[in-house]
Amino acid sequence: VLARTSILITPAMACREWEGVQGQPKFRLGFPQLDAYIDGGMSDGQVAIILAKTNVGKTIHLLNMLHLSSQEQPDAAYLFCSLEQTRGDWFERARRIWNFYNLGCDPEDVHKETERYWKDRIRLTDLNRMTEDQLLGAIDDFIEQMGKPPDLVAVDYLGYWAHGFPAADRYAKTTEAVMSLKAIAKDRRTKIWVPHQVNRTASFGTEPDVDN
């Protein structure tokens, strides 16, 4: 007879989970107003999806967030899954952002200093399409290389991640994609930040609404 594992959780088990997650300092994103709005930052197991119109700088916002949060938390380490951009595209943006915050650096040294800054802080993937198993494998590889789980996983962006899910329509694909990211965040005790664009019916110069 096969032994059956119970899925029941006691209050004591829930308390220990709270002490290890919600009872710990939250991860600050580097934007004071944003951190305050989400109750001081993110906790392990959480997924945040930032919605914006197309071509308004979602990736640049994300990379600025990584830079600013790494300034506040120097020991933080990031896994950046760039589904749309190449690794070279990431570096071009990273060096511009680093130079913006370090204007006194000799222009000839910007790329070297950018590489040095991120050497022990980030690992990347640049697959155009990524499966759940590949993302889980990337997290495992990250732990092996960096000696700890990522403090934040950034997946840029949700539309590309959703392409890998065999659902009937785009809405269903996106739903499955979000549920998958939530499962990974809970299972691996990490935080996941995912930009996504509203649909193209949203007019420029107007705030997106729920239908968008």
C-alpha atoms as a PDB file:
ATOM      1  CA  VAL A   1       0.000   0.000   0.000  1.00  0.00           C
ATOM      2  CA  LEU A   2       1.405   3.383  -0.982  1.00  0.00           C
ATOM      3  CA  ALA A   3       1.732   5.869   1.845  1.00  0.00           C
ATOM      4  CA  ARG A   4      -0.393   8.981   1.386  1.00  0.00           C
ATOM      5  CA  THR A   5       1.065  12.397   2.193  1.00  0.00           C
ATOM      6  CA  SER A   6      -1.353  14.707   3.958  1.00  0.00           C
ATOM      7  CA  ILE A   7      -1.868  18.196   2.554  1.00  0.00           C
ATOM      8  CA  LEU A   8      -3.263  19.511   5.846  1.00  0.00           C
ATOM      9  CA  ILE A   9      -1.379  22.367   7.516  1.00  0.00           C
ATOM     10  CA  THR A  10      -1.445  23.114  11.228  1.00  0.00           C
ATOM     11  CA  PRO A  11      -1.485  26.627  12.727  1.00  0.00           C
ATOM     12  CA  ALA A  12       2.041  25.964  14.045  1.00  0.00           C
ATOM     13  CA  MET A  13       3.247  25.221  10.515  1.00  0.00           C
ATOM     14  CA  ALA A  14       1.573  28.402   9.257  1.00  0.00           C
ATOM     15  CA  CYS A  15       3.258  30.386  12.050  1.00  0.00           C
ATOM     16  CA  ARG A  16       6.690  29.072  11.107  1.00  0.00           C
ATOM     17  CA  GLU A  17       6.003  30.029   7.481  1.00  0.00           C
ATOM     18  CA  TRP A  18       4.963  33.528   8.596  1.00  0.00           C
ATOM     19  CA  GLU A  19       8.131  33.924  10.662  1.00  0.00           C
ATOM     20  CA  GLY A  20      10.251  32.954   7.661  1.00  0.00           C
ATOM     21  CA  VAL A  21       8.429  35.104   5.083  1.00  0.00           C
ATOM     22  CA  GLN A  22       5.928  37.741   6.222  1.00  0.00           C
ATOM     23  CA  GLY A  23       7.786  38.189   9.506  1.00  0.00           C
ATOM     24  CA  GLN A  24      10.997  39.140   7.669  1.00  0.00           C
ATOM     25  CA  PRO A  25      11.983  42.554   6.252  1.00  0.00           C
ATOM     26  CA  LYS A  26      10.460  43.122   2.841  1.00  0.00           C
ATOM     27  CA  PHE A  27      12.400  43.588  -0.386  1.00  0.00           C
ATOM     28  CA  ARG A  28      12.409  47.256  -1.357  1.00  0.00           C
ATOM     29  CA  LEU A  29      12.091  48.128  -5.036  1.00  0.00           C
ATOM     30  CA  GLY A  30      13.964  51.426  -4.871  1.00  0.00           C
ATOM     31  CA  PHE A  31      11.013  53.733  -5.553  1.00  0.00           C
ATOM     32  CA  PRO A  32       9.825  55.083  -2.156  1.00  0.00           C
ATOM     33  CA  GLN A  33       6.247  55.797  -3.276  1.00  0.00           C
ATOM     34  CA  LEU A  34       5.914  52.356  -4.857  1.00  0.00           C
ATOM     35  CA  ASP A  35       7.375  50.588  -1.825  1.00  0.00           C
ATOM     36  CA  ALA A  36       5.011  52.500   0.466  1.00  0.00           C
ATOM     37  CA  TYR A  37       2.029  51.657  -1.740  1.00  0.00           C
ATOM     38  CA  ILE A  38       2.733  47.920  -1.512  1.00  0.00           C
ATOM     39  CA  ASP A  39       3.211  48.006   2.254  1.00  0.00           C
ATOM     40  CA  GLY A  40       6.968  48.488   2.334  1.00  0.00           C
ATOM     41  CA  GLY A  41       8.087  46.127  -0.423  1.00  0.00           C
ATOM     42  CA  MET A  42       7.678  42.545  -1.652  1.00  0.00           C
ATOM     43  CA  SER A  43       7.759  39.278   0.288  1.00  0.00           C
ATOM     44  CA  ASP A  44       8.775  35.831  -0.940  1.00  0.00           C
ATOM     45  CA  GLY A  45       5.983  34.062  -2.798  1.00  0.00           C
ATOM     46  CA  GLN A  46       4.579  37.248  -4.305  1.00  0.00           C
ATOM     47  CA  VAL A  47       4.165  38.099  -7.995  1.00  0.00           C
ATOM     48  CA  ALA A  48       3.782  41.715  -9.131  1.00  0.00           C
ATOM     49  CA  ILE A  49       2.616  42.614 -12.628  1.00  0.00           C
ATOM     50  CA  ILE A  50       3.119  46.209 -13.756  1.00  0.00           C
ATOM     51  CA  LEU A  51       0.783  47.268 -16.571  1.00  0.00           C
ATOM     52  CA  ALA A  52       1.575  50.004 -19.065  1.00  0.00           C
ATOM     53  CA  LYS A  53       0.948  50.934 -22.679  1.00  0.00           C
ATOM     54  CA  THR A  54       3.247  49.792 -25.438  1.00  0.00           C
ATOM     55  CA  ASN A  55       6.462  51.738 -26.058  1.00  0.00           C
ATOM     56  CA  VAL A  56       6.365  53.734 -22.822  1.00  0.00           C
ATOM     57  CA  GLY A  57       9.520  52.296 -21.234  1.00  0.00           C
ATOM     58  CA  LYS A  58       8.478  49.201 -19.258  1.00  0.00           C
ATOM     59  CA  THR A  59      11.906  47.588 -19.620  1.00  0.00           C
ATOM     60  CA  ILE A  60      13.760  50.799 -18.776  1.00  0.00           C
ATOM     61  CA  HIS A  61      11.582  51.167 -15.664  1.00  0.00           C
ATOM     62  CA  LEU A  62      12.422  47.585 -14.713  1.00  0.00           C
ATOM     63  CA  LEU A  63      16.180  48.070 -15.172  1.00  0.00           C
ATOM     64  CA  ASN A  64      16.091  51.317 -13.198  1.00  0.00           C
ATOM     65  CA  MET A  65      14.261  49.462 -10.457  1.00  0.00           C
ATOM     66  CA  LEU A  66      16.949  46.768 -10.363  1.00  0.00           C
ATOM     67  CA  HIS A  67      19.666  49.399 -10.141  1.00  0.00           C
ATOM     68  CA  LEU A  68      17.964  51.485  -7.442  1.00  0.00           C
ATOM     69  CA  SER A  69      16.988  48.491  -5.320  1.00  0.00           C
ATOM     70  CA  SER A  70      20.553  47.174  -5.537  1.00  0.00           C
ATOM     71  CA  GLN A  71      21.761  50.518  -4.193  1.00  0.00           C
ATOM     72  CA  GLU A  72      19.467  50.203  -1.188  1.00  0.00           C
ATOM     73  CA  GLN A  73      20.240  46.503  -0.691  1.00  0.00           C
ATOM     74  CA  PRO A  74      23.872  45.909  -1.766  1.00  0.00           C
ATOM     75  CA  ASP A  75      23.711  42.164  -1.089  1.00  0.00           C
ATOM     76  CA  ALA A  76      20.659  41.639  -3.305  1.00  0.00           C
ATOM     77  CA  ALA A  77      21.003  39.353  -6.306  1.00  0.00           C
ATOM     78  CA  TYR A  78      18.706  39.194  -9.323  1.00  0.00           C
ATOM     79  CA  LEU A  79      17.667  36.748 -12.020  1.00  0.00           C
ATOM     80  CA  PHE A  80      16.637  38.676 -15.133  1.00  0.00           C
ATOM     81  CA  CYS A  81      14.850  36.640 -17.803  1.00  0.00           C
ATOM     82  CA  SER A  82      14.927  38.821 -20.911  1.00  0.00           C
ATOM     83  CA  LEU A  83      12.497  37.214 -23.335  1.00  0.00           C
ATOM     84  CA  GLU A  84      12.358  40.139 -25.765  1.00  0.00           C
ATOM     85  CA  GLN A  85      15.851  41.680 -25.614  1.00  0.00           C
ATOM     86  CA  THR A  86      19.256  40.041 -26.089  1.00  0.00           C
ATOM     87  CA  ARG A  87      21.972  39.975 -23.440  1.00  0.00           C
ATOM     88  CA  GLY A  88      23.733  42.739 -25.363  1.00  0.00           C
ATOM     89  CA  ASP A  89      20.573  44.842 -25.310  1.00  0.00           C
ATOM     90  CA  TRP A  90      20.464  44.427 -21.532  1.00  0.00           C
ATOM     91  CA  PHE A  91      24.081  45.514 -21.176  1.00  0.00           C
ATOM     92  CA  GLU A  92      23.606  48.588 -23.370  1.00  0.00           C
ATOM     93  CA  ARG A  93      20.729  49.729 -21.167  1.00  0.00           C
ATOM     94  CA  ALA A  94      22.503  48.740 -17.957  1.00  0.00           C
ATOM     95  CA  ARG A  95      25.597  50.743 -18.848  1.00  0.00           C
ATOM     96  CA  ARG A  96      23.529  53.830 -19.687  1.00  0.00           C
ATOM     97  CA  ILE A  97      21.668  53.580 -16.399  1.00  0.00           C
ATOM     98  CA  TRP A  98      24.892  53.013 -14.446  1.00  0.00           C
ATOM     99  CA  ASN A  99      26.460  56.034 -16.169  1.00  0.00           C
ATOM    100  CA  PHE A 100      23.397  58.176 -15.367  1.00  0.00           C
ATOM    101  CA  TYR A 101      23.929  57.536 -11.661  1.00  0.00           C
ATOM    102  CA  ASN A 102      27.733  57.852 -11.946  1.00  0.00           C
ATOM    103  CA  LEU A 103      28.273  60.870 -14.198  1.00  0.00           C
ATOM    104  CA  GLY A 104      31.839  61.395 -12.991  1.00  0.00           C
ATOM    105  CA  CYS A 105      33.064  58.133 -14.506  1.00  0.00           C
ATOM    106  CA  ASP A 106      35.496  58.318 -17.421  1.00  0.00           C
ATOM    107  CA  PRO A 107      33.479  57.405 -20.563  1.00  0.00           C
ATOM    108  CA  GLU A 108      36.133  54.835 -21.476  1.00  0.00           C
ATOM    109  CA  ASP A 109      35.519  53.008 -18.190  1.00  0.00           C
ATOM    110  CA  VAL A 110      31.716  52.932 -18.156  1.00  0.00           C
ATOM    111  CA  HIS A 111      31.361  49.443 -19.647  1.00  0.00           C
ATOM    112  CA  LYS A 112      34.049  48.005 -17.340  1.00  0.00           C
ATOM    113  CA  GLU A 113      32.509  49.589 -14.258  1.00  0.00           C
ATOM    114  CA  THR A 114      29.030  48.406 -15.280  1.00  0.00           C
ATOM    115  CA  GLU A 115      30.287  44.850 -15.674  1.00  0.00           C
ATOM    116  CA  ARG A 116      32.069  45.052 -12.318  1.00  0.00           C
ATOM    117  CA  TYR A 117      28.990  46.456 -10.595  1.00  0.00           C
ATOM    118  CA  TRP A 118      26.689  43.669 -11.787  1.00  0.00           C
ATOM    119  CA  LYS A 119      29.199  40.807 -11.665  1.00  0.00           C
ATOM    120  CA  ASP A 120      28.004  39.421  -8.316  1.00  0.00           C
ATOM    121  CA  ARG A 121      24.495  40.858  -8.468  1.00  0.00           C
ATOM    122  CA  ILE A 122      22.785  39.474 -11.563  1.00  0.00           C
ATOM    123  CA  ARG A 123      22.452  36.498 -13.857  1.00  0.00           C
ATOM    124  CA  LEU A 124      20.485  36.572 -17.096  1.00  0.00           C
ATOM    125  CA  THR A 125      18.720  34.424 -19.635  1.00  0.00           C
ATOM    126  CA  ASP A 126      17.816  35.647 -23.107  1.00  0.00           C
ATOM    127  CA  LEU A 127      15.726  32.812 -24.536  1.00  0.00           C
ATOM    128  CA  ASN A 128      12.917  34.146 -26.717  1.00  0.00           C
ATOM    129  CA  ARG A 129      10.545  31.555 -25.325  1.00  0.00           C
ATOM    130  CA  MET A 130      10.936  29.929 -21.943  1.00  0.00           C
ATOM    131  CA  THR A 131       9.135  26.980 -20.385  1.00  0.00           C
ATOM    132  CA  GLU A 132       8.291  26.523 -16.726  1.00  0.00           C
ATOM    133  CA  ASP A 133      10.984  23.848 -16.467  1.00  0.00           C
ATOM    134  CA  GLN A 134      13.559  26.192 -17.992  1.00  0.00           C
ATOM    135  CA  LEU A 135      12.697  28.957 -15.527  1.00  0.00           C
ATOM    136  CA  LEU A 136      12.905  26.517 -12.623  1.00  0.00           C
ATOM    137  CA  GLY A 137      16.216  25.266 -14.006  1.00  0.00           C
ATOM    138  CA  ALA A 138      17.498  28.835 -14.269  1.00  0.00           C
ATOM    139  CA  ILE A 139      16.623  29.424 -10.606  1.00  0.00           C
ATOM    140  CA  ASP A 140      18.467  26.226  -9.651  1.00  0.00           C
ATOM    141  CA  ASP A 141      21.494  27.264 -11.726  1.00  0.00           C
ATOM    142  CA  PHE A 142      21.356  30.684 -10.077  1.00  0.00           C
ATOM    143  CA  ILE A 143      21.498  29.110  -6.615  1.00  0.00           C
ATOM    144  CA  GLU A 144      24.452  26.953  -7.677  1.00  0.00           C
ATOM    145  CA  GLN A 145      26.398  29.916  -9.074  1.00  0.00           C
ATOM    146  CA  MET A 146      25.442  32.621  -6.591  1.00  0.00           C
ATOM    147  CA  GLY A 147      25.133  30.542  -3.431  1.00  0.00           C
ATOM    148  CA  LYS A 148      21.573  31.670  -2.649  1.00  0.00           C
ATOM    149  CA  PRO A 149      18.171  32.015  -4.316  1.00  0.00           C
ATOM    150  CA  PRO A 150      17.503  35.200  -6.279  1.00  0.00           C
ATOM    151  CA  ASP A 151      16.098  38.020  -4.169  1.00  0.00           C
ATOM    152  CA  LEU A 152      14.007  39.013  -7.182  1.00  0.00           C
ATOM    153  CA  VAL A 153      13.186  37.290 -10.476  1.00  0.00           C
ATOM    154  CA  ALA A 154      12.283  39.650 -13.317  1.00  0.00           C
ATOM    155  CA  VAL A 155      10.532  38.213 -16.390  1.00  0.00           C
ATOM    156  CA  ASP A 156      10.407  40.689 -19.266  1.00  0.00           C
ATOM    157  CA  TYR A 157       7.651  40.454 -20.206  1.00  0.00           C
ATOM    158  CA  LEU A 158       4.400  38.563 -19.482  1.00  0.00           C
ATOM    159  CA  GLY A 159       3.206  38.520 -23.105  1.00  0.00           C
ATOM    160  CA  TYR A 160       6.292  36.597 -24.203  1.00  0.00           C
ATOM    161  CA  TRP A 161       6.117  34.234 -21.229  1.00  0.00           C
ATOM    162  CA  ALA A 162       2.463  33.484 -22.039  1.00  0.00           C
ATOM    163  CA  HIS A 163       3.323  32.372 -25.588  1.00  0.00           C
ATOM    164  CA  GLY A 164       4.557  29.047 -24.201  1.00  0.00           C
ATOM    165  CA  PHE A 165       1.169  28.029 -22.781  1.00  0.00           C
ATOM    166  CA  PRO A 166      -1.118  25.938 -25.040  1.00  0.00           C
ATOM    167  CA  ALA A 167      -4.396  27.649 -24.184  1.00  0.00           C
ATOM    168  CA  ALA A 168      -7.197  28.449 -26.622  1.00  0.00           C
ATOM    169  CA  ASP A 169      -6.879  32.236 -26.686  1.00  0.00           C
ATOM    170  CA  ARG A 170      -4.676  35.071 -25.464  1.00  0.00           C
ATOM    171  CA  TYR A 171      -6.724  35.677 -22.314  1.00  0.00           C
ATOM    172  CA  ALA A 172      -6.472  32.021 -21.317  1.00  0.00           C
ATOM    173  CA  LYS A 173      -2.745  31.936 -22.109  1.00  0.00           C
ATOM    174  CA  THR A 174      -2.146  34.976 -19.917  1.00  0.00           C
ATOM    175  CA  THR A 175      -4.216  33.503 -17.089  1.00  0.00           C
ATOM    176  CA  GLU A 176      -2.223  30.262 -17.203  1.00  0.00           C
ATOM    177  CA  ALA A 177       1.034  32.220 -17.385  1.00  0.00           C
ATOM    178  CA  VAL A 178       0.222  34.257 -14.261  1.00  0.00           C
ATOM    179  CA  MET A 179      -0.853  31.154 -12.339  1.00  0.00           C
ATOM    180  CA  SER A 180       2.387  29.453 -13.353  1.00  0.00           C
ATOM    181  CA  LEU A 181       4.521  32.351 -12.107  1.00  0.00           C
ATOM    182  CA  LYS A 182       2.613  32.403  -8.816  1.00  0.00           C
ATOM    183  CA  ALA A 183       3.234  28.678  -8.355  1.00  0.00           C
ATOM    184  CA  ILE A 184       6.957  29.137  -9.029  1.00  0.00           C
ATOM    185  CA  ALA A 185       7.192  32.097  -6.623  1.00  0.00           C
ATOM    186  CA  LYS A 186       5.515  30.079  -3.871  1.00  0.00           C
ATOM    187  CA  ASP A 187       7.469  26.893  -4.541  1.00  0.00           C
ATOM    188  CA  ARG A 188      10.889  28.556  -4.717  1.00  0.00           C
ATOM    189  CA  ARG A 189      10.223  31.192  -2.056  1.00  0.00           C
ATOM    190  CA  THR A 190      11.160  34.072  -4.300  1.00  0.00           C
ATOM    191  CA  LYS A 191       9.590  37.276  -5.622  1.00  0.00           C
ATOM    192  CA  ILE A 192       8.691  37.730  -9.289  1.00  0.00           C
ATOM    193  CA  TRP A 193       8.255  41.090 -11.061  1.00  0.00           C
ATOM    194  CA  VAL A 194       6.661  41.002 -14.515  1.00  0.00           C
ATOM    195  CA  PRO A 195       5.927  43.930 -16.848  1.00  0.00           C
ATOM    196  CA  HIS A 196       3.000  43.555 -19.226  1.00  0.00           C
ATOM    197  CA  GLN A 197       1.333  45.814 -21.751  1.00  0.00           C
ATOM    198  CA  VAL A 198      -2.327  46.703 -21.873  1.00  0.00           C
ATOM    199  CA  ASN A 199      -4.123  46.041 -25.144  1.00  0.00           C
ATOM    200  CA  ARG A 200      -3.604  48.385 -28.055  1.00  0.00           C
ATOM    201  CA  THR A 201      -7.058  49.926 -27.809  1.00  0.00           C
ATOM    202  CA  ALA A 202      -5.730  52.132 -24.995  1.00  0.00           C
ATOM    203  CA  SER A 203      -5.325  55.658 -26.367  1.00  0.00           C
ATOM    204  CA  PHE A 204      -2.111  57.577 -25.821  1.00  0.00           C
ATOM    205  CA  GLY A 205      -2.460  60.370 -23.281  1.00  0.00           C
ATOM    206  CA  THR A 206      -5.259  58.648 -21.360  1.00  0.00           C
ATOM    207  CA  GLU A 207      -4.990  56.475 -18.267  1.00  0.00           C
ATOM    208  CA  PRO A 208      -5.617  52.751 -18.969  1.00  0.00           C
ATOM    209  CA  ASP A 209      -8.860  51.400 -17.567  1.00  0.00           C
ATOM    210  CA  VAL A 210      -9.944  47.925 -16.458  1.00  0.00           C
ATOM    211  CA  ASP A 211     -11.106  46.913 -19.956  1.00  0.00           C
ATOM    212  CA  ASN A 212      -7.644  47.743 -21.368  1.00  0.00           C
END
